């Protein structure tokens, strides 16, 4: 069977051969035969190939049912596998959702735990940084600082280290230890000293209380110390090697000691009273000096007068001088002797009562000056309120301090001077009373002698 392409080639070959000259006809016939042969061979080859393809198609058609069955079997297997995978996917999706819920819950617990750890670490950081134990064991607050500022979950080792530092702080609170440390004195000079620490409350060195500066990590001497009694107890504790020894501690871990350095001393209190306070103090000192001098004088006079009562020889004292007047005027009448004795007593009363009026005046003027200071302080306070308002109480503190301090100074001076004046007045009155009693006794002696003389004259 010849194809259309071969037929077309054959026709063209015949046309070409008809148009060629005669002398080349033999050669062209040979070429045409070869061409026809080639065409035939090619056609036969194409037939064979077509037959092979037909045979292959027939064979494949016979296998189509088998291939269809295999394809359906593979499809069913794949469908089953797909269903199993879908079921597993759904189960895994539910499990993943549950695990995500558990994960969120546990992450929430961990975040809450992290916040608690950071809060505890922050509290521990403040405690460790300000603790007296840090002067002996510096750098303890590093782990607390790290955990307080960390944005990641802490490790078990970090938590254990923080726990150990907390236990160490608790244990140190019940110990009394001695160690060498750098101490900054009141002049700002540093020196290496032997320091005694009492728990987490106080540290001493040479009997002086020390404060701990968290900024520098060094022990510092405060500007003011507690009373000498407390310093003596601290010194004895430093020198002790065993036994139980009393000592005063600051339960606020240095707060009371720092407040002590900020509280004003006596000089500052007096300065707060202003000029009126100074005047009150000067008057009080003068009154006390007068009172002391009068006490010495009156005590000496009272002792001499009491001694003179047992001695008949006139001495150098008020009673002795009255006795001398009596001995010098035994021959006069009672009226004359009485007048002379009264004159002597009046002359002796002035030295005995000298200065008592001044003490009474100072005792009365002191509260009045305190009231004056109160008024001026209140006036100054209202002036501060007028100028600056009530926003800052420190602007009003000067006037209030002057008002209160002057009042206190006036009362502090007046109250003891009143008692002293009363005591000295009673002392002076006791001496005067003795003089009056002895004067009356001397007059009675003269009157009796006169009466006896008159009786003898009448009998005669």
Protein backbone atom coordinates (compact mmCIF):
# COMPACT_ATOMS: atom_id res chain seq x y z
CA UNK A 1 0.00 0.00 0.00
CA UNK A 2 1.57 3.20 -1.18
CA UNK A 3 1.14 6.46 0.61
CA UNK A 4 0.15 9.72 -1.07
CA UNK A 5 3.63 11.14 -0.51
CA UNK A 6 5.26 8.23 -2.42
CA UNK A 7 2.75 8.52 -5.18
CA UNK A 8 3.45 12.18 -5.58
CA UNK A 9 7.15 11.52 -5.80
CA UNK A 10 6.59 8.88 -8.44
CA UNK A 11 4.52 11.21 -10.60
CA UNK A 12 7.16 13.91 -10.37
CA UNK A 13 9.81 11.43 -11.36
CA UNK A 14 7.84 10.34 -14.42
CA UNK A 15 7.34 13.95 -15.48
CA UNK A 16 10.99 14.68 -15.15
CA UNK A 17 11.93 11.64 -17.17
CA UNK A 18 9.54 12.63 -20.01
CA UNK A 19 11.12 16.07 -20.26
CA UNK A 20 14.79 14.92 -20.32
CA UNK A 21 16.71 14.45 -23.62
CA UNK A 22 16.98 11.06 -25.40
CA UNK A 23 20.72 10.49 -25.02
CA UNK A 24 20.31 10.42 -21.16
CA UNK A 25 17.25 8.27 -21.04
CA UNK A 26 19.01 5.05 -20.06
CA UNK A 27 20.68 6.66 -17.12
CA UNK A 28 17.43 8.27 -16.00
CA UNK A 29 15.56 4.97 -16.24
CA UNK A 30 18.10 3.44 -13.90
CA UNK A 31 17.67 6.23 -11.50
CA UNK A 32 13.95 6.01 -11.64
CA UNK A 33 14.06 2.30 -10.95
CA UNK A 34 16.15 2.91 -7.91
CA UNK A 35 13.75 5.55 -6.85
CA UNK A 36 10.82 3.19 -7.31
CA UNK A 37 12.66 0.50 -5.44
CA UNK A 38 13.40 2.84 -2.61
CA UNK A 39 9.81 3.92 -2.53
CA UNK A 40 8.70 0.34 -2.39
CA UNK A 41 11.15 -0.58 0.32
CA UNK A 42 10.12 2.41 2.35
CA UNK A 43 6.49 1.52 1.91
CA UNK A 44 7.13 -2.04 2.97
CA UNK A 45 8.97 -0.83 6.04
CA UNK A 46 6.09 1.47 6.91
CA UNK A 47 3.71 -1.43 6.55
CA UNK A 48 5.75 -3.46 8.96
CA UNK A 49 5.85 -0.64 11.47
CA UNK A 50 2.11 -0.11 11.11
CA UNK A 51 1.49 -3.80 11.63
CA UNK A 52 3.67 -3.76 14.73
CA UNK A 53 1.75 -0.83 16.11
CA UNK A 54 -1.56 -2.53 15.37
CA UNK A 55 -0.28 -5.65 17.09
CA UNK A 56 0.88 -3.67 20.07
CA UNK A 57 -2.49 -1.88 20.25
CA UNK A 58 -4.30 -5.22 20.13
CA UNK A 59 -2.07 -6.59 22.88
CA UNK A 60 -2.62 -3.49 24.98
CA UNK A 61 -6.35 -3.68 24.41
CA UNK A 62 -6.32 -7.20 25.74
CA UNK A 63 -4.45 -5.97 28.84
CA UNK A 64 -6.68 -2.94 29.42
CA UNK A 65 -9.07 -4.87 31.67
CA UNK A 66 -6.16 -6.12 33.70
CA UNK A 67 -4.70 -2.60 33.89
CA UNK A 68 -8.13 -1.24 34.81
CA UNK A 69 -8.45 -3.75 37.59
CA UNK A 70 -4.94 -2.87 38.81
CA UNK A 71 -5.74 0.85 38.64
CA UNK A 72 -9.02 0.36 40.55
CA UNK A 73 -7.20 -1.77 43.14
CA UNK A 74 -4.53 0.90 43.54
CA UNK A 75 -7.24 3.57 43.75
CA UNK A 76 -9.07 1.67 46.48
CA UNK A 77 -5.79 1.18 48.35
CA UNK A 78 -4.98 4.84 48.01
CA UNK A 79 -8.51 5.79 49.11
CA UNK A 80 -8.16 3.61 52.20
CA UNK A 81 -4.76 5.04 52.92
CA UNK A 82 -6.15 8.55 52.39
CA UNK A 83 -9.04 7.86 54.80
CA UNK A 84 -6.60 6.51 57.37
CA UNK A 85 -4.40 9.57 56.92
CA UNK A 86 -7.39 11.86 57.25
CA UNK A 87 -8.47 10.11 60.41
CA UNK A 88 -4.93 10.30 61.75
CA UNK A 89 -4.74 13.97 60.76
CA UNK A 90 -7.97 14.73 62.63
CA UNK A 91 -6.74 12.80 65.66
CA UNK A 92 -3.38 14.55 65.50
CA UNK A 93 -5.09 17.92 65.08
CA UNK A 94 -7.12 17.29 68.25
CA UNK A 95 -4.00 16.12 70.09
CA UNK A 96 -2.07 19.16 68.87
CA UNK A 97 -4.86 21.45 70.01
CA UNK A 98 -4.86 19.79 73.44
CA UNK A 99 -1.08 20.00 73.67
CA UNK A 100 -1.19 23.66 72.67
CA UNK A 101 -3.74 24.29 75.44
CA UNK A 102 -1.54 22.48 77.94
CA UNK A 103 1.47 24.38 76.62
CA UNK A 104 -0.27 27.73 77.02
CA UNK A 105 -1.36 26.77 80.52
CA UNK A 106 2.13 25.69 81.53
CA UNK A 107 3.72 28.71 79.86
CA UNK A 108 1.31 30.85 81.88
CA UNK A 109 2.41 29.06 85.04
CA UNK A 110 6.03 29.58 84.08
CA UNK A 111 5.47 33.27 83.33
CA UNK A 112 3.71 33.66 86.68
CA UNK A 113 6.55 31.80 88.36
CA UNK A 114 9.04 34.04 86.56
CA UNK A 115 7.24 37.13 87.81
CA UNK A 116 7.27 35.77 91.36
CA UNK A 117 10.98 34.96 91.06
CA UNK A 118 11.72 38.48 89.79
CA UNK A 119 9.73 40.02 92.65
CA UNK A 120 11.46 37.87 95.25
CA UNK A 121 14.84 38.58 93.66
CA UNK A 122 14.12 42.31 93.70
CA UNK A 123 13.20 42.17 97.38
CA UNK A 124 16.25 40.07 98.14
CA UNK A 125 18.42 42.50 96.18
CA UNK A 126 17.34 45.41 98.36
CA UNK A 127 17.81 43.34 101.52
CA UNK A 128 21.25 42.07 100.56
CA UNK A 129 22.52 45.43 99.31
CA UNK A 130 21.61 47.24 102.54
CA UNK A 131 22.50 44.41 104.91
CA UNK A 132 25.41 44.75 107.33
CA UNK A 133 26.50 41.26 106.24
CA UNK A 134 27.44 42.64 102.81
CA UNK A 135 30.27 44.58 104.46
CA UNK A 136 31.76 41.23 105.44
CA UNK A 137 30.68 39.33 102.30
CA UNK A 138 30.66 41.77 99.35
CA UNK A 139 29.06 40.89 96.02
CA UNK A 140 26.25 38.80 97.50
CA UNK A 141 23.55 40.72 95.65
CA UNK A 142 24.86 39.86 92.15
CA UNK A 143 22.61 36.82 91.68
CA UNK A 144 19.57 38.71 92.97
CA UNK A 145 20.31 41.60 90.61
CA UNK A 146 20.66 39.18 87.70
CA UNK A 147 17.35 37.42 88.39
CA UNK A 148 15.51 40.68 89.08
CA UNK A 149 16.41 42.11 85.66
CA UNK A 150 16.40 38.91 83.57
CA UNK A 151 13.81 38.52 80.82
CA UNK A 152 14.37 34.75 80.54
CA UNK A 153 13.26 31.95 82.79
CA UNK A 154 15.79 31.34 85.56
CA UNK A 155 17.78 28.15 85.73
CA UNK A 156 17.61 25.72 88.62
CA UNK A 157 21.17 26.60 89.64
CA UNK A 158 20.32 30.31 89.78
CA UNK A 159 17.28 29.65 91.96
CA UNK A 160 19.36 27.46 94.26
CA UNK A 161 22.02 30.15 94.55
CA UNK A 162 19.37 32.76 95.46
CA UNK A 163 17.96 30.34 98.02
CA UNK A 164 21.42 29.84 99.50
CA UNK A 165 21.89 33.61 99.82
CA UNK A 166 18.54 33.89 101.63
CA UNK A 167 19.53 31.10 104.04
CA UNK A 168 22.90 32.77 104.57
CA UNK A 169 21.18 36.05 105.47
CA UNK A 170 18.92 34.26 107.96
CA UNK A 171 21.86 32.46 109.54
CA UNK A 172 23.94 35.67 109.73
CA UNK A 173 21.12 37.42 111.63
CA UNK A 174 21.84 35.24 114.66
CA UNK A 175 25.64 35.50 114.72
CA UNK A 176 28.15 37.89 116.27
CA UNK A 177 31.32 37.97 114.17
CA UNK A 178 34.49 40.03 113.86
CA UNK A 179 36.26 40.87 110.60
CA UNK A 180 38.55 43.46 109.04
CA UNK A 181 36.95 46.08 106.80
CA UNK A 182 37.51 49.57 105.42
CA UNK A 183 35.84 52.25 107.59
CA UNK A 184 35.26 55.85 106.52
CA UNK A 185 35.47 58.26 109.48
CA UNK A 186 33.65 61.57 109.91
CA UNK A 187 36.47 63.40 108.06
CA UNK A 188 36.10 61.18 104.99
CA UNK A 189 39.35 59.31 105.58
CA UNK A 190 39.47 55.55 105.07
CA UNK A 191 41.24 53.11 107.36
CA UNK A 192 41.38 49.36 107.89
CA UNK A 193 39.78 48.44 111.22
CA UNK A 194 38.63 45.47 113.21
CA UNK A 195 34.83 45.47 113.09
CA UNK A 196 32.31 43.58 115.22
CA UNK A 197 28.96 42.73 113.62
CA UNK A 198 25.88 41.90 115.71
CA UNK A 199 23.57 39.95 113.42
CA UNK A 200 22.17 42.12 110.66
CA UNK A 201 21.51 45.03 113.01
CA UNK A 202 24.67 46.93 113.97
CA UNK A 203 28.43 47.04 113.55
CA UNK A 204 30.93 48.51 116.00
CA UNK A 205 34.55 49.55 115.84
CA UNK A 206 36.44 50.89 118.88
CA UNK A 207 33.12 51.38 120.67
CA UNK A 208 31.67 53.51 117.85
CA UNK A 209 28.52 52.60 115.99
CA UNK A 210 28.96 52.28 112.21
CA UNK A 211 26.53 52.55 109.34
CA UNK A 212 26.69 50.68 106.03
CA UNK A 213 26.61 52.57 102.72
CA UNK A 214 25.11 50.45 99.94
CA UNK A 215 26.44 52.88 97.30
CA UNK A 216 30.10 52.50 98.26
CA UNK A 217 29.90 49.13 99.98
CA UNK A 218 31.85 50.51 102.97
CA UNK A 219 31.20 51.10 106.64
CA UNK A 220 30.82 54.76 107.61
CA UNK A 221 31.01 56.55 110.95
CA UNK A 222 27.88 58.70 111.50
CA UNK A 223 28.31 62.33 112.44
CA UNK A 224 26.73 61.69 115.82
CA UNK A 225 26.96 58.70 118.13
CA UNK A 226 24.52 57.38 120.75
CA UNK A 227 25.12 58.20 124.39
CA UNK A 228 28.30 57.13 126.15
CA UNK A 229 26.45 54.33 127.95
CA UNK A 230 25.67 52.57 124.68
CA UNK A 231 29.20 53.11 123.38
CA UNK A 232 30.59 51.56 126.57
CA UNK A 233 28.43 48.45 126.10
CA UNK A 234 29.59 48.17 122.48
CA UNK A 235 33.25 48.43 123.56
CA UNK A 236 32.79 45.71 126.18
CA UNK A 237 31.22 43.44 123.58
CA UNK A 238 34.19 43.96 121.25
CA UNK A 239 36.64 43.07 124.00
CA UNK A 240 34.67 40.02 125.15
CA UNK A 241 35.68 36.53 124.06
CA UNK A 242 32.83 34.50 125.55
CA UNK A 243 29.79 34.78 127.75
CA UNK A 244 26.66 36.91 127.52
CA UNK A 245 27.04 40.68 127.28
CA UNK A 246 24.29 43.32 126.93
CA UNK A 247 24.44 45.63 123.94
CA UNK A 248 22.05 48.12 122.34
CA UNK A 249 21.08 47.33 118.76
CA UNK A 250 19.13 49.13 116.08
CA UNK A 251 16.23 46.83 115.07
CA UNK A 252 15.64 48.95 111.96
CA UNK A 253 19.11 48.03 110.63
CA UNK A 254 20.52 51.52 110.65
CA UNK A 255 17.43 53.66 110.13
CA UNK A 256 17.30 54.90 113.72
CA UNK A 257 21.03 55.54 113.67
CA UNK A 258 20.72 57.61 110.50
CA UNK A 259 17.79 59.54 111.99
CA UNK A 260 19.95 60.26 115.01
CA UNK A 261 22.50 61.96 112.79
CA UNK A 262 19.76 64.10 111.23
CA UNK A 263 18.10 65.15 114.48
CA UNK A 264 19.28 68.57 115.74
CA UNK A 265 21.52 68.77 118.79
CA UNK A 266 21.24 71.23 121.70
CA UNK A 267 23.07 73.97 119.82
CA UNK A 268 20.75 73.59 116.83
CA UNK A 269 17.71 73.69 119.11
CA UNK A 270 18.94 76.88 120.76
CA UNK A 271 19.64 78.39 117.34
CA UNK A 272 16.05 77.62 116.32
CA UNK A 273 14.84 79.78 119.21
CA UNK A 274 16.39 82.89 117.65
CA UNK A 275 17.42 86.01 119.62
CA UNK A 276 14.58 85.63 122.12
CA UNK A 277 15.75 82.12 122.94
CA UNK A 278 19.27 83.43 123.56
CA UNK A 279 17.91 86.12 125.92
CA UNK A 280 15.91 83.51 127.83
CA UNK A 281 18.97 81.29 128.20
CA UNK A 282 21.13 84.20 129.38
CA UNK A 283 18.52 85.17 132.00
CA UNK A 284 18.25 81.55 133.08
CA UNK A 285 22.02 81.28 133.51
CA UNK A 286 22.06 84.50 135.54
CA UNK A 287 19.20 83.25 137.70
CA UNK A 288 20.97 79.94 138.31
CA UNK A 289 24.21 81.70 139.21
CA UNK A 290 22.39 83.95 141.67
CA UNK A 291 20.54 80.95 143.09
CA UNK A 292 23.75 78.97 143.57
CA UNK A 293 25.50 81.87 145.28
CA UNK A 294 22.51 82.52 147.57
CA UNK A 295 22.27 78.83 148.39
CA UNK A 296 25.91 78.78 149.46
CA UNK A 297 25.51 81.94 151.53
CA UNK A 298 22.25 80.95 153.21
CA UNK A 299 23.49 77.44 153.97
CA UNK A 300 26.60 78.85 155.58
CA UNK A 301 24.62 81.44 157.59
CA UNK A 302 22.05 78.88 158.71
CA UNK A 303 24.83 76.54 159.89
CA UNK A 304 26.54 79.34 161.82
CA UNK A 305 23.25 80.49 163.40
CA UNK A 306 22.43 76.95 164.52
CA UNK A 307 25.89 76.67 166.04
CA UNK A 308 25.50 80.07 167.69
CA UNK A 309 22.43 78.79 169.54
CA UNK A 310 24.73 76.46 171.49
CA UNK A 311 27.45 79.07 172.09
CA UNK A 312 26.96 81.99 174.48
CA UNK A 313 29.86 83.95 173.05
CA UNK A 314 28.72 86.28 170.21
CA UNK A 315 30.22 85.27 166.85
CA UNK A 316 30.45 86.74 163.38
CA UNK A 317 26.92 85.88 162.23
CA UNK A 318 23.47 87.49 162.41
CA UNK A 319 22.56 85.83 165.69
CA UNK A 320 25.93 86.71 167.17
CA UNK A 321 25.44 90.35 166.29
CA UNK A 322 22.00 90.33 167.95
CA UNK A 323 23.53 88.75 171.05
CA UNK A 324 26.17 91.47 171.05
CA UNK A 325 23.44 94.15 170.99
CA UNK A 326 21.77 92.40 173.91
CA UNK A 327 24.99 92.20 175.95
CA UNK A 328 25.77 95.86 175.17
CA UNK A 329 22.30 97.08 176.26
CA UNK A 330 21.40 94.99 179.28
CA UNK A 331 20.99 98.11 181.41
CA UNK A 332 18.35 99.73 179.16
CA UNK A 333 14.62 99.24 179.42
CA UNK A 334 12.68 96.70 177.34
CA UNK A 335 11.30 99.22 174.86
CA UNK A 336 14.70 100.59 174.07
CA UNK A 337 16.20 97.11 173.79
CA UNK A 338 13.31 96.01 171.62
CA UNK A 339 13.85 98.88 169.21
CA UNK A 340 17.58 98.22 169.05
CA UNK A 341 17.00 94.51 168.39
CA UNK A 342 14.37 95.24 165.72
CA UNK A 343 16.81 97.59 164.04
CA UNK A 344 19.49 94.92 164.06
CA UNK A 345 17.10 92.30 162.69
CA UNK A 346 16.02 94.62 159.87
CA UNK A 347 19.65 95.26 159.07
CA UNK A 348 20.34 91.50 158.96
CA UNK A 349 17.27 90.70 156.82
CA UNK A 350 18.53 92.54 153.77
CA UNK A 351 21.68 90.37 153.29
CA UNK A 352 19.59 87.25 153.93
CA UNK A 353 16.99 88.14 151.30
CA UNK A 354 19.38 89.64 148.77
CA UNK A 355 18.96 88.10 145.26
CA UNK A 356 15.68 86.32 145.99
CA UNK A 357 13.71 89.06 144.26
CA UNK A 358 15.90 88.76 141.16
CA UNK A 359 15.29 85.00 141.05
CA UNK A 360 11.53 85.57 141.34
CA UNK A 361 11.60 88.18 138.56
CA UNK A 362 13.57 85.91 136.19
CA UNK A 363 11.20 83.03 136.95
CA UNK A 364 8.26 85.26 136.06
CA UNK A 365 9.85 86.86 132.99
CA UNK A 366 10.96 83.54 131.45
CA UNK A 367 7.47 82.33 130.40
CA UNK A 368 6.61 85.84 129.22
CA UNK A 369 9.64 85.88 126.94
CA UNK A 370 8.67 82.39 125.76
CA UNK A 371 5.21 83.71 124.93
CA UNK A 372 6.81 86.59 123.06
CA UNK A 373 8.88 84.12 121.06
CA UNK A 374 5.75 82.11 120.33
CA UNK A 375 4.00 85.16 118.95
CA UNK A 376 6.96 86.21 116.78
CA UNK A 377 7.35 82.63 115.51
CA UNK A 378 3.68 82.46 114.53
CA UNK A 379 3.98 85.82 112.79
CA UNK A 380 6.98 84.53 110.82
CA UNK A 381 5.05 81.38 109.93
CA UNK A 382 2.10 83.34 108.55
CA UNK A 383 4.47 85.55 106.59
CA UNK A 384 5.97 82.43 104.99
CA UNK A 385 2.49 81.14 104.15
CA UNK A 386 1.60 84.50 102.60
CA UNK A 387 4.73 84.55 100.44
CA UNK A 388 5.17 80.88 99.49
CA UNK A 389 1.86 79.19 100.30
CA UNK A 390 1.49 75.87 102.10
CA UNK A 391 3.02 73.67 99.40
CA UNK A 392 6.32 73.11 101.19
CA UNK A 393 6.04 72.62 104.99
CA UNK A 394 9.79 73.19 105.37
CA UNK A 395 9.30 76.89 104.62
CA UNK A 396 7.11 77.15 107.71
CA UNK A 397 9.29 75.04 109.97
CA UNK A 398 11.57 77.92 111.03
CA UNK A 399 8.72 80.00 112.48
CA UNK A 400 7.08 77.02 114.13
CA UNK A 401 10.41 75.94 115.63
CA UNK A 402 11.01 79.41 117.05
CA UNK A 403 7.50 79.51 118.54
CA UNK A 404 7.83 76.13 120.22
CA UNK A 405 11.49 76.33 121.28
CA UNK A 406 11.13 79.71 122.98
CA UNK A 407 8.08 78.47 124.87
CA UNK A 408 9.98 75.40 126.04
CA UNK A 409 13.02 77.46 127.04
CA UNK A 410 10.87 79.88 129.05
CA UNK A 411 9.18 77.03 130.92
CA UNK A 412 12.44 75.13 131.43
CA UNK A 413 13.96 78.19 133.08
CA UNK A 414 10.89 79.29 135.08
CA UNK A 415 9.94 75.96 136.63
CA UNK A 416 13.25 75.15 138.36
CA UNK A 417 13.80 78.80 139.37
CA UNK A 418 10.39 78.83 141.08
CA UNK A 419 11.32 75.78 143.13
CA UNK A 420 14.74 77.23 143.91
CA UNK A 421 13.19 80.56 144.96
CA UNK A 422 10.76 78.78 147.25
CA UNK A 423 13.56 76.74 148.82
CA UNK A 424 15.86 79.73 149.33
CA UNK A 425 13.00 81.82 150.72
CA UNK A 426 12.23 79.13 153.28
CA UNK A 427 15.92 78.97 154.15
CA UNK A 428 16.09 82.75 154.64
CA UNK A 429 12.83 82.83 156.61
CA UNK A 430 14.14 80.09 158.90
CA UNK A 431 17.18 82.22 159.80
CA UNK A 432 14.99 85.33 160.30
CA UNK A 433 12.61 83.33 162.47
CA UNK A 434 15.52 82.24 164.69
CA UNK A 435 16.60 85.86 164.99
CA UNK A 436 13.06 86.94 165.96
CA UNK A 437 12.78 84.17 168.51
CA UNK A 438 16.10 85.03 170.15
CA UNK A 439 15.26 88.76 170.11
CA UNK A 440 11.95 88.08 171.85
CA UNK A 441 13.79 85.89 174.35
CA UNK A 442 16.28 88.63 175.16
CA UNK A 443 13.45 91.17 175.66
CA UNK A 444 11.66 88.69 177.88
CA UNK A 445 14.81 88.31 179.99
CA UNK A 446 15.11 92.10 180.43
CA UNK A 447 11.37 92.41 181.21
CA UNK A 448 11.60 89.68 183.81
CA UNK A 449 14.60 91.31 185.45
CA UNK A 450 12.76 94.63 185.52
CA UNK A 451 9.73 92.96 187.05
CA UNK A 452 11.81 91.33 189.76
CA UNK A 453 13.52 94.68 190.52
CA UNK A 454 10.13 96.42 190.82
CA UNK A 455 8.82 93.72 193.16
CA UNK A 456 11.81 94.09 195.45
CA UNK A 457 11.33 97.87 195.54
CA UNK A 458 7.65 97.48 196.43
CA UNK A 459 8.41 95.07 199.27
CA UNK A 460 10.99 97.44 200.65
